[in-house]
Amino acid sequence: QLRLAESGGGLVQPGGSLTLSCAASGSTLDNYAIGWFRQAPGKEREGISCINRSGEITTYVDSVKGRFTISRNNAENTVYLQMNSLKPEDTAVYYCAARAIVDWDNWGQGTQVTVSS
């Protein structure tokens, strides 16, 4: 069974950068599309980026477009989210999730990102 684990979160100043990792175990990651989601305090969880199985197709929500980059290394069973020019409104718990066909069936435990001076 696929298991996902996020890492790389932390405290960063506005304008700074972080790279989140989503490491998979228990199954081969290239069977899945991977999405990054986030949930800020008092807000609903939102999808922010997605990458298809091969890594050729990526999508971003408008609020992170041009600042965040999703990528994957299937040989390492890992998906990354490079986050640049971070803003206080990016503060949230970030989750990765895997989709085999239709639904986001597998989720990690989340990693906290705090953007503050």
PDB file of N, CA and C in Angstrom:
ATOM      1  N   GLN A   1       0.842  -1.192   0.000  1.00  0.00           N
ATOM      2  CA  GLN A   1       0.000   0.000   0.000  1.00  0.00           C
ATOM      3  C   GLN A   1       0.879   1.245   0.000  1.00  0.00           C
ATOM      4  N   LEU A   2       0.487   2.214  -0.803  1.00  0.00           N
ATOM      5  CA  LEU A   2       1.270   3.439  -0.924  1.00  0.00           C
ATOM      6  C   LEU A   2       1.183   4.260   0.351  1.00  0.00           C
ATOM      7  N   ARG A   3       2.328   4.726   0.809  1.00  0.00           N
ATOM      8  CA  ARG A   3       2.400   5.643   1.937  1.00  0.00           C
ATOM      9  C   ARG A   3       3.221   6.850   1.516  1.00  0.00           C
ATOM     10  N   LEU A   4       2.757   8.018   1.951  1.00  0.00           N
ATOM     11  CA  LEU A   4       3.407   9.272   1.593  1.00  0.00           C
ATOM     12  C   LEU A   4       3.870  10.001   2.846  1.00  0.00           C
ATOM     13  N   ALA A   5       5.015  10.656   2.751  1.00  0.00           N
ATOM     14  CA  ALA A   5       5.547  11.406   3.891  1.00  0.00           C
ATOM     15  C   ALA A   5       6.130  12.710   3.393  1.00  0.00           C
ATOM     16  N   GLU A   6       5.584  13.820   3.877  1.00  0.00           N
ATOM     17  CA  GLU A   6       6.091  15.137   3.512  1.00  0.00           C
ATOM     18  C   GLU A   6       7.213  15.553   4.466  1.00  0.00           C
ATOM     19  N   SER A   7       8.111  16.363   3.959  1.00  0.00           N
ATOM     20  CA  SER A   7       9.164  16.952   4.781  1.00  0.00           C
ATOM     21  C   SER A   7       9.606  18.260   4.141  1.00  0.00           C
ATOM     22  N   GLY A   8      10.368  19.035   4.895  1.00  0.00           N
ATOM     23  CA  GLY A   8      10.929  20.260   4.355  1.00  0.00           C
ATOM     24  C   GLY A   8      10.260  21.533   4.808  1.00  0.00           C
ATOM     25  N   GLY A   9       9.191  21.419   5.582  1.00  0.00           N
ATOM     26  CA  GLY A   9       8.539  22.619   6.073  1.00  0.00           C
ATOM     27  C   GLY A   9       9.368  23.316   7.133  1.00  0.00           C
ATOM     28  N   GLY A  10       8.906  24.508   7.518  1.00  0.00           N
ATOM     29  CA  GLY A  10       9.619  25.252   8.541  1.00  0.00           C
ATOM     30  C   GLY A  10       9.195  26.694   8.564  1.00  0.00           C
ATOM     31  N   LEU A  11       9.977  27.487   9.272  1.00  0.00           N
ATOM     32  CA  LEU A  11       9.744  28.923   9.393  1.00  0.00           C
ATOM     33  C   LEU A  11      10.675  29.655   8.435  1.00  0.00           C
ATOM     34  N   VAL A  12      10.119  30.548   7.640  1.00  0.00           N
ATOM     35  CA  VAL A  12      10.904  31.296   6.670  1.00  0.00           C
ATOM     36  C   VAL A  12      10.391  32.726   6.631  1.00  0.00           C
ATOM     37  N   GLN A  13      11.282  33.657   6.331  1.00  0.00           N
ATOM     38  CA  GLN A  13      10.884  35.054   6.233  1.00  0.00           C
ATOM     39  C   GLN A  13      10.188  35.323   4.907  1.00  0.00           C
ATOM     40  N   PRO A  14       9.358  36.328   4.846  1.00  0.00           N
ATOM     41  CA  PRO A  14       8.743  36.704   3.565  1.00  0.00           C
ATOM     42  C   PRO A  14       9.811  36.941   2.500  1.00  0.00           C
ATOM     43  N   GLY A  15       9.548  36.423   1.321  1.00  0.00           N
ATOM     44  CA  GLY A  15      10.515  36.501   0.233  1.00  0.00           C
ATOM     45  C   GLY A  15      11.465  35.333   0.174  1.00  0.00           C
ATOM     46  N   GLY A  16      11.435  34.502   1.189  1.00  0.00           N
ATOM     47  CA  GLY A  16      12.330  33.353   1.239  1.00  0.00           C
ATOM     48  C   GLY A  16      11.828  32.166   0.441  1.00  0.00           C
ATOM     49  N   SER A  17      12.585  31.074   0.546  1.00  0.00           N
ATOM     50  CA  SER A  17      12.285  29.875  -0.230  1.00  0.00           C
ATOM     51  C   SER A  17      12.325  28.640   0.648  1.00  0.00           C
ATOM     52  N   LEU A  18      11.553  27.657   0.259  1.00  0.00           N
ATOM     53  CA  LEU A  18      11.582  26.329   0.867  1.00  0.00           C
ATOM     54  C   LEU A  18      11.328  25.306  -0.224  1.00  0.00           C
ATOM     55  N   THR A  19      11.860  24.112  -0.023  1.00  0.00           N
ATOM     56  CA  THR A  19      11.546  22.996  -0.905  1.00  0.00           C
ATOM     57  C   THR A  19      10.928  21.880  -0.079  1.00  0.00           C
ATOM     58  N   LEU A  20       9.718  21.529  -0.423  1.00  0.00           N
ATOM     59  CA  LEU A  20       9.033  20.421   0.233  1.00  0.00           C
ATOM     60  C   LEU A  20       9.267  19.145  -0.557  1.00  0.00           C
ATOM     61  N   SER A  21       9.364  18.047   0.168  1.00  0.00           N
ATOM     62  CA  SER A  21       9.507  16.729  -0.449  1.00  0.00           C
ATOM     63  C   SER A  21       8.334  15.848  -0.046  1.00  0.00           C
ATOM     64  N   CYS A  22       7.936  15.009  -0.959  1.00  0.00           N
ATOM     65  CA  CYS A  22       6.894  14.007  -0.717  1.00  0.00           C
ATOM     66  C   CYS A  22       7.491  12.662  -1.104  1.00  0.00           C
ATOM     67  N   ALA A  23       7.864  11.897  -0.108  1.00  0.00           N
ATOM     68  CA  ALA A  23       8.521  10.612  -0.343  1.00  0.00           C
ATOM     69  C   ALA A  23       7.504   9.493  -0.247  1.00  0.00           C
ATOM     70  N   ALA A  24       7.565   8.592  -1.208  1.00  0.00           N
ATOM     71  CA  ALA A  24       6.624   7.480  -1.263  1.00  0.00           C
ATOM     72  C   ALA A  24       7.304   6.184  -0.861  1.00  0.00           C
ATOM     73  N   SER A  25       6.527   5.312  -0.251  1.00  0.00           N
ATOM     74  CA  SER A  25       6.999   3.966   0.073  1.00  0.00           C
ATOM     75  C   SER A  25       5.834   3.009  -0.073  1.00  0.00           C
ATOM     76  N   GLY A  26       6.157   1.751  -0.214  1.00  0.00           N
ATOM     77  CA  GLY A  26       5.120   0.722  -0.296  1.00  0.00           C
ATOM     78  C   GLY A  26       4.595   0.489  -1.696  1.00  0.00           C
ATOM     79  N   SER A  27       4.887   1.391  -2.628  1.00  0.00           N
ATOM     80  CA  SER A  27       4.439   1.216  -4.000  1.00  0.00           C
ATOM     81  C   SER A  27       5.261   2.131  -4.892  1.00  0.00           C
ATOM     82  N   THR A  28       5.175   1.875  -6.173  1.00  0.00           N
ATOM     83  CA  THR A  28       5.918   2.688  -7.132  1.00  0.00           C
ATOM     84  C   THR A  28       5.163   3.970  -7.422  1.00  0.00           C
ATOM     85  N   LEU A  29       5.844   5.086  -7.236  1.00  0.00           N
ATOM     86  CA  LEU A  29       5.187   6.380  -7.354  1.00  0.00           C
ATOM     87  C   LEU A  29       4.745   6.689  -8.770  1.00  0.00           C
ATOM     88  N   ASP A  30       5.393   6.102  -9.761  1.00  0.00           N
ATOM     89  CA  ASP A  30       5.050   6.469 -11.141  1.00  0.00           C
ATOM     90  C   ASP A  30       3.714   5.894 -11.591  1.00  0.00           C
ATOM     91  N   ASN A  31       3.024   5.183 -10.711  1.00  0.00           N
ATOM     92  CA  ASN A  31       1.656   4.762 -10.997  1.00  0.00           C
ATOM     93  C   ASN A  31       0.620   5.833 -10.665  1.00  0.00           C
ATOM     94  N   TYR A  32       1.089   6.976 -10.114  1.00  0.00           N
ATOM     95  CA  TYR A  32       0.176   7.966  -9.567  1.00  0.00           C
ATOM     96  C   TYR A  32       0.480   9.373 -10.050  1.00  0.00           C
ATOM     97  N   ALA A  33      -0.584  10.134 -10.257  1.00  0.00           N
ATOM     98  CA  ALA A  33      -0.434  11.581 -10.292  1.00  0.00           C
ATOM     99  C   ALA A  33      -0.315  12.055  -8.843  1.00  0.00           C
ATOM    100  N   ILE A  34       0.431  13.133  -8.641  1.00  0.00           N
ATOM    101  CA  ILE A  34       0.655  13.644  -7.293  1.00  0.00           C
ATOM    102  C   ILE A  34       0.203  15.094  -7.220  1.00  0.00           C
ATOM    103  N   GLY A  35      -0.481  15.418  -6.159  1.00  0.00           N
ATOM    104  CA  GLY A  35      -0.923  16.793  -5.933  1.00  0.00           C
ATOM    105  C   GLY A  35      -0.391  17.323  -4.619  1.00  0.00           C
ATOM    106  N   TRP A  36      -0.180  18.621  -4.592  1.00  0.00           N
ATOM    107  CA  TRP A  36       0.132  19.321  -3.340  1.00  0.00           C
ATOM    108  C   TRP A  36      -1.089  20.149  -2.948  1.00  0.00           C
ATOM    109  N   PHE A  37      -1.431  20.066  -1.688  1.00  0.00           N
ATOM    110  CA  PHE A  37      -2.561  20.790  -1.130  1.00  0.00           C
ATOM    111  C   PHE A  37      -2.073  21.545   0.101  1.00  0.00           C
ATOM    112  N   ARG A  38      -2.850  22.528   0.524  1.00  0.00           N
ATOM    113  CA  ARG A  38      -2.508  23.211   1.761  1.00  0.00           C
ATOM    114  C   ARG A  38      -3.783  23.620   2.482  1.00  0.00           C
ATOM    115  N   GLN A  39      -3.648  23.745   3.786  1.00  0.00           N
ATOM    116  CA  GLN A  39      -4.770  24.185   4.608  1.00  0.00           C
ATOM    117  C   GLN A  39      -4.268  25.179   5.632  1.00  0.00           C
ATOM    118  N   ALA A  40      -4.757  26.393   5.517  1.00  0.00           N
ATOM    119  CA  ALA A  40      -4.414  27.444   6.459  1.00  0.00           C
ATOM    120  C   ALA A  40      -5.420  27.427   7.613  1.00  0.00           C
ATOM    121  N   PRO A  41      -5.036  27.963   8.764  1.00  0.00           N
ATOM    122  CA  PRO A  41      -5.947  27.988   9.914  1.00  0.00           C
ATOM    123  C   PRO A  41      -7.269  28.668   9.570  1.00  0.00           C
ATOM    124  N   GLY A  42      -8.359  27.984   9.854  1.00  0.00           N
ATOM    125  CA  GLY A  42      -9.672  28.548   9.620  1.00  0.00           C
ATOM    126  C   GLY A  42     -10.139  28.526   8.183  1.00  0.00           C
ATOM    127  N   LYS A  43      -9.355  27.906   7.321  1.00  0.00           N
ATOM    128  CA  LYS A  43      -9.707  27.862   5.905  1.00  0.00           C
ATOM    129  C   LYS A  43      -9.835  26.422   5.433  1.00  0.00           C
ATOM    130  N   GLU A  44     -10.502  26.259   4.303  1.00  0.00           N
ATOM    131  CA  GLU A  44     -10.632  24.937   3.717  1.00  0.00           C
ATOM    132  C   GLU A  44      -9.330  24.541   3.018  1.00  0.00           C
ATOM    133  N   ARG A  45      -9.137  23.252   2.910  1.00  0.00           N
ATOM    134  CA  ARG A  45      -7.984  22.760   2.176  1.00  0.00           C
ATOM    135  C   ARG A  45      -8.124  23.103   0.696  1.00  0.00           C
ATOM    136  N   GLU A  46      -7.034  23.544   0.098  1.00  0.00           N
ATOM    137  CA  GLU A  46      -7.056  23.880  -1.324  1.00  0.00           C
ATOM    138  C   GLU A  46      -5.946  23.142  -2.060  1.00  0.00           C
ATOM    139  N   GLY A  47      -6.243  22.753  -3.268  1.00  0.00           N
ATOM    140  CA  GLY A  47      -5.224  22.168  -4.132  1.00  0.00           C
ATOM    141  C   GLY A  47      -4.423  23.271  -4.775  1.00  0.00           C
ATOM    142  N   ILE A  48      -3.106  23.153  -4.759  1.00  0.00           N
ATOM    143  CA  ILE A  48      -2.273  24.217  -5.298  1.00  0.00           C
ATOM    144  C   ILE A  48      -1.450  23.797  -6.504  1.00  0.00           C
ATOM    145  N   SER A  49      -1.166  22.514  -6.632  1.00  0.00           N
ATOM    146  CA  SER A  49      -0.354  22.082  -7.764  1.00  0.00           C
ATOM    147  C   SER A  49      -0.515  20.588  -7.973  1.00  0.00           C
ATOM    148  N   CYS A  50      -0.309  20.166  -9.205  1.00  0.00           N
ATOM    149  CA  CYS A  50      -0.460  18.766  -9.549  1.00  0.00           C
ATOM    150  C   CYS A  50       0.529  18.420 -10.656  1.00  0.00           C
ATOM    151  N   ILE A  51       0.997  17.178 -10.647  1.00  0.00           N
ATOM    152  CA  ILE A  51       1.902  16.706 -11.682  1.00  0.00           C
ATOM    153  C   ILE A  51       1.452  15.323 -12.120  1.00  0.00           C
ATOM    154  N   ASN A  52       1.486  15.081 -13.422  1.00  0.00           N
ATOM    155  CA  ASN A  52       1.016  13.788 -13.908  1.00  0.00           C
ATOM    156  C   ASN A  52       2.088  12.728 -13.692  1.00  0.00           C
ATOM    157  N   ARG A  53       1.797  11.505 -14.098  1.00  0.00           N
ATOM    158  CA  ARG A  53       2.657  10.369 -13.781  1.00  0.00           C
ATOM    159  C   ARG A  53       4.061  10.522 -14.359  1.00  0.00           C
ATOM    160  N   SER A  54       4.133  11.029 -15.552  1.00  0.00           N
ATOM    161  CA  SER A  54       5.440  11.133 -16.209  1.00  0.00           C
ATOM    162  C   SER A  54       6.183  12.409 -15.849  1.00  0.00           C
ATOM    163  N   GLY A  55       5.456  13.376 -15.300  1.00  0.00           N
ATOM    164  CA  GLY A  55       6.070  14.658 -14.984  1.00  0.00           C
ATOM    165  C   GLY A  55       5.986  15.669 -16.102  1.00  0.00           C
ATOM    166  N   GLU A  56       5.338  15.306 -17.193  1.00  0.00           N
ATOM    167  CA  GLU A  56       5.279  16.200 -18.354  1.00  0.00           C
ATOM    168  C   GLU A  56       4.227  17.283 -18.212  1.00  0.00           C
ATOM    169  N   ILE A  57       3.218  17.048 -17.404  1.00  0.00           N
ATOM    170  CA  ILE A  57       2.108  17.988 -17.269  1.00  0.00           C
ATOM    171  C   ILE A  57       2.026  18.446 -15.821  1.00  0.00           C
ATOM    172  N   THR A  58       2.062  19.755 -15.644  1.00  0.00           N
ATOM    173  CA  THR A  58       1.939  20.340 -14.305  1.00  0.00           C
ATOM    174  C   THR A  58       0.867  21.421 -14.331  1.00  0.00           C
ATOM    175  N   THR A  59       0.219  21.594 -13.215  1.00  0.00           N
ATOM    176  CA  THR A  59      -0.778  22.648 -13.085  1.00  0.00           C
ATOM    177  C   THR A  59      -0.570  23.374 -11.759  1.00  0.00           C
ATOM    178  N   TYR A  60      -0.999  24.629 -11.739  1.00  0.00           N
ATOM    179  CA  TYR A  60      -0.846  25.454 -10.538  1.00  0.00           C
ATOM    180  C   TYR A  60      -2.085  26.316 -10.351  1.00  0.00           C
ATOM    181  N   VAL A  61      -2.430  26.547  -9.117  1.00  0.00           N
ATOM    182  CA  VAL A  61      -3.462  27.537  -8.818  1.00  0.00           C
ATOM    183  C   VAL A  61      -2.851  28.919  -9.029  1.00  0.00           C
ATOM    184  N   ASP A  62      -3.682  29.876  -9.371  1.00  0.00           N
ATOM    185  CA  ASP A  62      -3.174  31.206  -9.733  1.00  0.00           C
ATOM    186  C   ASP A  62      -2.340  31.847  -8.625  1.00  0.00           C
ATOM    187  N   SER A  63      -2.691  31.588  -7.380  1.00  0.00           N
ATOM    188  CA  SER A  63      -2.015  32.264  -6.276  1.00  0.00           C
ATOM    189  C   SER A  63      -0.552  31.837  -6.116  1.00  0.00           C
ATOM    190  N   VAL A  64      -0.159  30.708  -6.701  1.00  0.00           N
ATOM    191  CA  VAL A  64       1.237  30.265  -6.579  1.00  0.00           C
ATOM    192  C   VAL A  64       1.949  30.207  -7.915  1.00  0.00           C
ATOM    193  N   LYS A  65       1.230  30.443  -8.989  1.00  0.00           N
ATOM    194  CA  LYS A  65       1.818  30.364 -10.329  1.00  0.00           C
ATOM    195  C   LYS A  65       2.968  31.354 -10.459  1.00  0.00           C
ATOM    196  N   GLY A  66       4.078  30.877 -10.977  1.00  0.00           N
ATOM    197  CA  GLY A  66       5.255  31.716 -11.129  1.00  0.00           C
ATOM    198  C   GLY A  66       6.164  31.739  -9.912  1.00  0.00           C
ATOM    199  N   ARG A  67       5.680  31.244  -8.791  1.00  0.00           N
ATOM    200  CA  ARG A  67       6.483  31.215  -7.557  1.00  0.00           C
ATOM    201  C   ARG A  67       6.812  29.789  -7.129  1.00  0.00           C
ATOM    202  N   PHE A  68       5.895  28.858  -7.360  1.00  0.00           N
ATOM    203  CA  PHE A  68       6.082  27.462  -6.956  1.00  0.00           C
ATOM    204  C   PHE A  68       6.341  26.609  -8.190  1.00  0.00           C
ATOM    205  N   THR A  69       7.158  25.574  -8.005  1.00  0.00           N
ATOM    206  CA  THR A  69       7.444  24.624  -9.078  1.00  0.00           C
ATOM    207  C   THR A  69       7.341  23.203  -8.534  1.00  0.00           C
ATOM    208  N   ILE A  70       6.503  22.413  -9.184  1.00  0.00           N
ATOM    209  CA  ILE A  70       6.363  21.003  -8.807  1.00  0.00           C
ATOM    210  C   ILE A  70       7.227  20.164  -9.748  1.00  0.00           C
ATOM    211  N   SER A  71       7.846  19.137  -9.203  1.00  0.00           N
ATOM    212  CA  SER A  71       8.657  18.238 -10.026  1.00  0.00           C
ATOM    213  C   SER A  71       8.648  16.863  -9.377  1.00  0.00           C
ATOM    214  N   ARG A  72       9.096  15.876 -10.127  1.00  0.00           N
ATOM    215  CA  ARG A  72       9.122  14.533  -9.566  1.00  0.00           C
ATOM    216  C   ARG A  72      10.345  13.797 -10.078  1.00  0.00           C
ATOM    217  N   ASN A  73      10.820  12.889  -9.242  1.00  0.00           N
ATOM    218  CA  ASN A  73      11.909  11.984  -9.606  1.00  0.00           C
ATOM    219  C   ASN A  73      11.390  10.582  -9.308  1.00  0.00           C
ATOM    220  N   ASN A  74      10.873   9.932 -10.313  1.00  0.00           N
ATOM    221  CA  ASN A  74      10.263   8.624 -10.105  1.00  0.00           C
ATOM    222  C   ASN A  74      11.292   7.582  -9.675  1.00  0.00           C
ATOM    223  N   ALA A  75      12.513   7.742 -10.102  1.00  0.00           N
ATOM    224  CA  ALA A  75      13.559   6.800  -9.689  1.00  0.00           C
ATOM    225  C   ALA A  75      13.798   6.872  -8.186  1.00  0.00           C
ATOM    226  N   GLU A  76      13.614   8.079  -7.624  1.00  0.00           N
ATOM    227  CA  GLU A  76      13.781   8.272  -6.185  1.00  0.00           C
ATOM    228  C   GLU A  76      12.458   8.168  -5.436  1.00  0.00           C
ATOM    229  N   ASN A  77      11.371   7.943  -6.183  1.00  0.00           N
ATOM    230  CA  ASN A  77      10.044   7.841  -5.560  1.00  0.00           C
ATOM    231  C   ASN A  77       9.687   9.080  -4.758  1.00  0.00           C
ATOM    232  N   THR A  78      10.029  10.254  -5.303  1.00  0.00           N
ATOM    233  CA  THR A  78       9.831  11.506  -4.573  1.00  0.00           C
ATOM    234  C   THR A  78       9.291  12.590  -5.494  1.00  0.00           C
ATOM    235  N   VAL A  79       8.404  13.393  -4.947  1.00  0.00           N
ATOM    236  CA  VAL A  79       7.892  14.580  -5.627  1.00  0.00           C
ATOM    237  C   VAL A  79       8.287  15.794  -4.789  1.00  0.00           C
ATOM    238  N   TYR A  80       8.616  16.873  -5.477  1.00  0.00           N
ATOM    239  CA  TYR A  80       9.089  18.082  -4.812  1.00  0.00           C
ATOM    240  C   TYR A  80       8.174  19.259  -5.108  1.00  0.00           C
ATOM    241  N   LEU A  81       8.174  20.208  -4.191  1.00  0.00           N
ATOM    242  CA  LEU A  81       7.513  21.487  -4.410  1.00  0.00           C
ATOM    243  C   LEU A  81       8.493  22.579  -4.007  1.00  0.00           C
ATOM    244  N   GLN A  82       9.078  23.223  -5.011  1.00  0.00           N
ATOM    245  CA  GLN A  82       9.980  24.341  -4.780  1.00  0.00           C
ATOM    246  C   GLN A  82       9.132  25.599  -4.626  1.00  0.00           C
ATOM    247  N   MET A  83       9.287  26.271  -3.495  1.00  0.00           N
ATOM    248  CA  MET A  83       8.474  27.457  -3.201  1.00  0.00           C
ATOM    249  C   MET A  83       9.389  28.657  -3.048  1.00  0.00           C
ATOM    250  N   ASN A  84       9.237  29.622  -3.923  1.00  0.00           N
ATOM    251  CA  ASN A  84      10.028  30.849  -3.890  1.00  0.00           C
ATOM    252  C   ASN A  84       9.129  32.053  -3.608  1.00  0.00           C
ATOM    253  N   SER A  85       9.756  33.147  -3.249  1.00  0.00           N
ATOM    254  CA  SER A  85       9.036  34.408  -2.996  1.00  0.00           C
ATOM    255  C   SER A  85       7.853  34.182  -2.066  1.00  0.00           C
ATOM    256  N   LEU A  86       8.105  33.495  -0.992  1.00  0.00           N
ATOM    257  CA  LEU A  86       7.027  33.134  -0.075  1.00  0.00           C
ATOM    258  C   LEU A  86       6.410  34.362   0.587  1.00  0.00           C
ATOM    259  N   LYS A  87       5.112  34.277   0.813  1.00  0.00           N
ATOM    260  CA  LYS A  87       4.332  35.358   1.406  1.00  0.00           C
ATOM    261  C   LYS A  87       3.691  34.868   2.703  1.00  0.00           C
ATOM    262  N   PRO A  88       3.350  35.765   3.582  1.00  0.00           N
ATOM    263  CA  PRO A  88       2.668  35.329   4.814  1.00  0.00           C
ATOM    264  C   PRO A  88       1.403  34.528   4.529  1.00  0.00           C
ATOM    265  N   GLU A  89       0.724  34.840   3.452  1.00  0.00           N
ATOM    266  CA  GLU A  89      -0.499  34.099   3.124  1.00  0.00           C
ATOM    267  C   GLU A  89      -0.234  32.681   2.628  1.00  0.00           C
ATOM    268  N   ASP A  90       1.026  32.319   2.441  1.00  0.00           N
ATOM    269  CA  ASP A  90       1.373  30.929   2.111  1.00  0.00           C
ATOM    270  C   ASP A  90       1.456  30.059   3.361  1.00  0.00           C
ATOM    271  N   THR A  91       1.351  30.670   4.524  1.00  0.00           N
ATOM    272  CA  THR A  91       1.401  29.907   5.771  1.00  0.00           C
ATOM    273  C   THR A  91       0.255  28.904   5.827  1.00  0.00           C
ATOM    274  N   ALA A  92       0.603  27.642   6.020  1.00  0.00           N
ATOM    275  CA  ALA A  92      -0.394  26.570   6.019  1.00  0.00           C
ATOM    276  C   ALA A  92       0.295  25.254   6.331  1.00  0.00           C
ATOM    277  N   VAL A  93      -0.509  24.240   6.556  1.00  0.00           N
ATOM    278  CA  VAL A  93      -0.003  22.866   6.551  1.00  0.00           C
ATOM    279  C   VAL A  93      -0.099  22.367   5.113  1.00  0.00           C
ATOM    280  N   TYR A  94       1.007  21.855   4.612  1.00  0.00           N
ATOM    281  CA  TYR A  94       1.078  21.389   3.232  1.00  0.00           C
ATOM    282  C   TYR A  94       1.043  19.865   3.204  1.00  0.00           C
ATOM    283  N   TYR A  95       0.210  19.350   2.308  1.00  0.00           N
ATOM    284  CA  TYR A  95       0.024  17.916   2.169  1.00  0.00           C
ATOM    285  C   TYR A  95       0.302  17.498   0.720  1.00  0.00           C
ATOM    286  N   CYS A  96       0.832  16.298   0.556  1.00  0.00           N
ATOM    287  CA  CYS A  96       0.845  15.702  -0.768  1.00  0.00           C
ATOM    288  C   CYS A  96      -0.142  14.543  -0.784  1.00  0.00           C
ATOM    289  N   ALA A  97      -0.654  14.275  -1.975  1.00  0.00           N
ATOM    290  CA  ALA A  97      -1.634  13.210  -2.139  1.00  0.00           C
ATOM    291  C   ALA A  97      -1.414  12.540  -3.484  1.00  0.00           C
ATOM    292  N   ALA A  98      -1.826  11.285  -3.568  1.00  0.00           N
ATOM    293  CA  ALA A  98      -1.649  10.493  -4.782  1.00  0.00           C
ATOM    294  C   ALA A  98      -3.001  10.111  -5.359  1.00  0.00           C
ATOM    295  N   ARG A  99      -3.047  10.146  -6.680  1.00  0.00           N
ATOM    296  CA  ARG A  99      -4.268   9.781  -7.391  1.00  0.00           C
ATOM    297  C   ARG A  99      -3.921   8.724  -8.446  1.00  0.00           C
ATOM    298  N   ALA A 100      -4.555   7.539  -8.310  1.00  0.00           N
ATOM    299  CA  ALA A 100      -4.319   6.490  -9.299  1.00  0.00           C
ATOM    300  C   ALA A 100      -5.202   6.686 -10.521  1.00  0.00           C
ATOM    301  N   ILE A 101      -6.480   6.952 -10.283  1.00  0.00           N
ATOM    302  CA  ILE A 101      -7.404   7.092 -11.403  1.00  0.00           C
ATOM    303  C   ILE A 101      -8.225   8.382 -11.266  1.00  0.00           C
ATOM    304  N   VAL A 102      -9.067   8.437 -10.229  1.00  0.00           N
ATOM    305  CA  VAL A 102      -9.999   9.562 -10.119  1.00  0.00           C
ATOM    306  C   VAL A 102      -9.802  10.323  -8.814  1.00  0.00           C
ATOM    307  N   ASP A 103      -9.756   9.579  -7.709  1.00  0.00           N
ATOM    308  CA  ASP A 103      -9.773  10.219  -6.395  1.00  0.00           C
ATOM    309  C   ASP A 103      -8.373  10.327  -5.795  1.00  0.00           C
ATOM    310  N   TRP A 104      -8.217  11.314  -4.903  1.00  0.00           N
ATOM    311  CA  TRP A 104      -6.985  11.447  -4.117  1.00  0.00           C
ATOM    312  C   TRP A 104      -7.117  10.485  -2.935  1.00  0.00           C
ATOM    313  N   ASP A 105      -6.575   9.294  -3.110  1.00  0.00           N
ATOM    314  CA  ASP A 105      -6.811   8.217  -2.154  1.00  0.00           C
ATOM    315  C   ASP A 105      -5.774   8.126  -1.046  1.00  0.00           C
ATOM    316  N   ASN A 106      -4.588   8.622  -1.302  1.00  0.00           N
ATOM    317  CA  ASN A 106      -3.494   8.469  -0.347  1.00  0.00           C
ATOM    318  C   ASN A 106      -2.954   9.841   0.014  1.00  0.00           C
ATOM    319  N   TRP A 107      -2.830  10.065   1.320  1.00  0.00           N
ATOM    320  CA  TRP A 107      -2.394  11.367   1.814  1.00  0.00           C
ATOM    321  C   TRP A 107      -1.239  11.210   2.792  1.00  0.00           C
ATOM    322  N   GLY A 108      -0.358  12.193   2.790  1.00  0.00           N
ATOM    323  CA  GLY A 108       0.667  12.260   3.811  1.00  0.00           C
ATOM    324  C   GLY A 108       0.131  12.923   5.061  1.00  0.00           C
ATOM    325  N   GLN A 109       1.010  13.067   6.048  1.00  0.00           N
ATOM    326  CA  GLN A 109       0.591  13.606   7.338  1.00  0.00           C
ATOM    327  C   GLN A 109       0.674  15.132   7.389  1.00  0.00           C
ATOM    328  N   GLY A 110       1.329  15.712   6.418  1.00  0.00           N
ATOM    329  CA  GLY A 110       1.429  17.162   6.332  1.00  0.00           C
ATOM    330  C   GLY A 110       2.703  17.703   6.938  1.00  0.00           C
ATOM    331  N   THR A 111       3.104  18.874   6.461  1.00  0.00           N
ATOM    332  CA  THR A 111       4.263  19.577   7.005  1.00  0.00           C
ATOM    333  C   THR A 111       3.916  21.056   7.109  1.00  0.00           C
ATOM    334  N   GLN A 112       4.282  21.658   8.229  1.00  0.00           N
ATOM    335  CA  GLN A 112       3.902  23.053   8.494  1.00  0.00           C
ATOM    336  C   GLN A 112       4.874  24.001   7.807  1.00  0.00           C
ATOM    337  N   VAL A 113       4.319  24.971   7.106  1.00  0.00           N
ATOM    338  CA  VAL A 113       5.096  26.065   6.533  1.00  0.00           C
ATOM    339  C   VAL A 113       4.593  27.361   7.145  1.00  0.00           C
ATOM    340  N   THR A 114       5.491  28.116   7.751  1.00  0.00           N
ATOM    341  CA  THR A 114       5.143  29.390   8.356  1.00  0.00           C
ATOM    342  C   THR A 114       6.007  30.474   7.743  1.00  0.00           C
ATOM    343  N   VAL A 115       5.366  31.477   7.189  1.00  0.00           N
ATOM    344  CA  VAL A 115       6.074  32.595   6.568  1.00  0.00           C
ATOM    345  C   VAL A 115       5.833  33.827   7.433  1.00  0.00           C
ATOM    346  N   SER A 116       6.880  34.258   8.099  1.00  0.00           N
ATOM    347  CA  SER A 116       6.731  35.352   9.049  1.00  0.00           C
ATOM    348  C   SER A 116       8.074  36.011   9.298  1.00  0.00           C
ATOM    349  N   SER A 117       8.026  37.307   9.555  1.00  0.00           N
ATOM    350  CA  SER A 117       9.257  38.022   9.907  1.00  0.00           C
ATOM    351  C   SER A 117       9.421  38.084  11.425  1.00  0.00           C
TER     352      SER A 117
END
